[in-house]
């Protein structure tokens, strides 16, 4: 099964707040997904697997690692995953993780 992940940051927010460098943010995402897990970057923010590379595992590892990075969730506009046969979104997990992050941040 072929997986495709789409990530989109709120670039205007990142630039307006000036807390993070959007190029460094993308470099960290690319290093993880392309460098470490060997996904193919087909467009900005679009990552796909191919025969011999397990995109599902890469996406789960990415989710586990990046859910703890405040710069990722605080500037995330969209995060979806698609299967060849249909769409599977991470939105339920995203909402749970974002709520957990906001709770931790407020403590």
Protein backbone atom coordinates (compact mmCIF):
# COMPACT_ATOMS: atom_id res chain seq x y z
CA UNK A 1 0.00 0.00 0.00
CA UNK A 2 1.31 3.44 -0.87
CA UNK A 3 1.11 6.23 1.73
CA UNK A 4 1.31 9.94 1.21
CA UNK A 5 1.62 12.50 4.00
CA UNK A 6 0.81 16.17 3.53
CA UNK A 7 2.07 18.78 6.00
CA UNK A 8 1.32 22.47 5.80
CA UNK A 9 2.55 25.14 8.18
CA UNK A 10 0.86 28.47 8.79
CA UNK A 11 3.68 30.44 7.19
CA UNK A 12 2.04 33.82 7.85
CA UNK A 13 1.83 33.03 11.57
CA UNK A 14 5.44 31.84 11.69
CA UNK A 15 6.64 35.02 9.98
CA UNK A 16 4.38 37.30 12.01
CA UNK A 17 5.48 35.87 15.36
CA UNK A 18 9.14 35.59 14.41
CA UNK A 19 9.80 32.84 16.99
CA UNK A 20 10.88 30.20 14.48
CA UNK A 21 12.60 30.04 11.12
CA UNK A 22 10.32 28.35 8.58
CA UNK A 23 13.31 27.05 6.61
CA UNK A 24 14.74 25.36 9.70
CA UNK A 25 11.31 23.89 10.48
CA UNK A 26 11.11 22.32 7.02
CA UNK A 27 14.73 21.18 7.27
CA UNK A 28 13.92 19.25 10.46
CA UNK A 29 10.84 17.65 8.90
CA UNK A 30 12.77 16.77 5.73
CA UNK A 31 15.70 15.35 7.68
CA UNK A 32 13.36 13.04 9.57
CA UNK A 33 11.09 11.92 6.73
CA UNK A 34 13.49 12.00 3.78
CA UNK A 35 16.87 11.62 5.47
CA UNK A 36 16.04 9.11 8.16
CA UNK A 37 12.97 7.27 6.84
CA UNK A 38 13.72 7.58 3.12
CA UNK A 39 10.34 8.90 2.01
CA UNK A 40 10.28 10.75 -1.29
CA UNK A 41 9.43 14.46 -1.19
CA UNK A 42 7.30 15.04 -4.29
CA UNK A 43 6.25 18.65 -3.55
CA UNK A 44 6.78 21.05 -0.66
CA UNK A 45 5.21 19.36 2.35
CA UNK A 46 4.25 16.19 0.44
CA UNK A 47 6.01 12.92 1.33
CA UNK A 48 5.34 9.50 -0.22
CA UNK A 49 6.70 6.02 0.19
CA UNK A 50 7.55 3.56 -2.57
CA UNK A 51 8.28 -0.16 -2.82
CA UNK A 52 10.81 -1.13 -0.18
CA UNK A 53 10.06 1.87 2.06
CA UNK A 54 7.33 1.63 4.71
CA UNK A 55 5.55 4.97 4.75
CA UNK A 56 3.15 3.85 7.45
CA UNK A 57 5.98 3.16 9.90
CA UNK A 58 7.66 6.44 8.93
CA UNK A 59 4.45 8.35 9.59
CA UNK A 60 3.88 6.70 12.96
CA UNK A 61 7.47 7.39 14.04
CA UNK A 62 7.15 10.96 12.81
CA UNK A 63 3.90 11.43 14.73
CA UNK A 64 5.45 10.04 17.90
CA UNK A 65 8.54 12.22 17.60
CA UNK A 66 7.03 15.48 16.39
CA UNK A 67 3.97 15.52 18.64
CA UNK A 68 6.27 16.69 21.45
CA UNK A 69 7.76 19.58 19.49
CA UNK A 70 5.83 22.72 20.31
CA UNK A 71 7.01 24.55 17.20
CA UNK A 72 5.44 21.83 15.04
CA UNK A 73 1.91 21.83 16.46
CA UNK A 74 1.74 25.51 17.28
CA UNK A 75 2.36 26.38 13.63
CA UNK A 76 0.62 23.47 11.92
CA UNK A 77 -2.16 24.28 9.49
CA UNK A 78 -2.72 20.83 7.98
CA UNK A 79 -1.50 17.30 8.55
CA UNK A 80 -3.06 14.48 6.56
CA UNK A 81 -2.21 11.01 5.41
CA UNK A 82 -3.61 9.36 2.30
CA UNK A 83 -3.61 5.75 1.24
CA UNK A 84 -3.69 4.75 -2.40
CA UNK A 85 -7.21 3.36 -1.95
CA UNK A 86 -8.51 6.26 0.14
CA UNK A 87 -7.82 9.03 2.58
CA UNK A 88 -6.87 8.56 6.20
CA UNK A 89 -6.43 11.76 8.18
CA UNK A 90 -4.54 12.21 11.41
CA UNK A 91 -7.02 14.84 12.56
CA UNK A 92 -8.39 12.86 15.57
CA UNK A 93 -4.87 12.19 16.83
CA UNK A 94 -3.84 15.73 16.02
CA UNK A 95 -6.67 17.15 18.13
CA UNK A 96 -5.81 14.83 21.04
CA UNK A 97 -2.13 15.70 20.89
CA UNK A 98 -2.75 19.41 20.49
CA UNK A 99 -5.12 19.39 23.49
CA UNK A 100 -2.52 17.51 25.55
CA UNK A 101 0.13 20.01 24.51
CA UNK A 102 -2.08 22.97 25.42
CA UNK A 103 -2.81 21.40 28.82
CA UNK A 104 0.89 20.82 29.48
CA UNK A 105 1.74 24.34 28.33
CA UNK A 106 -0.86 25.86 30.68
CA UNK A 107 0.47 23.95 33.72
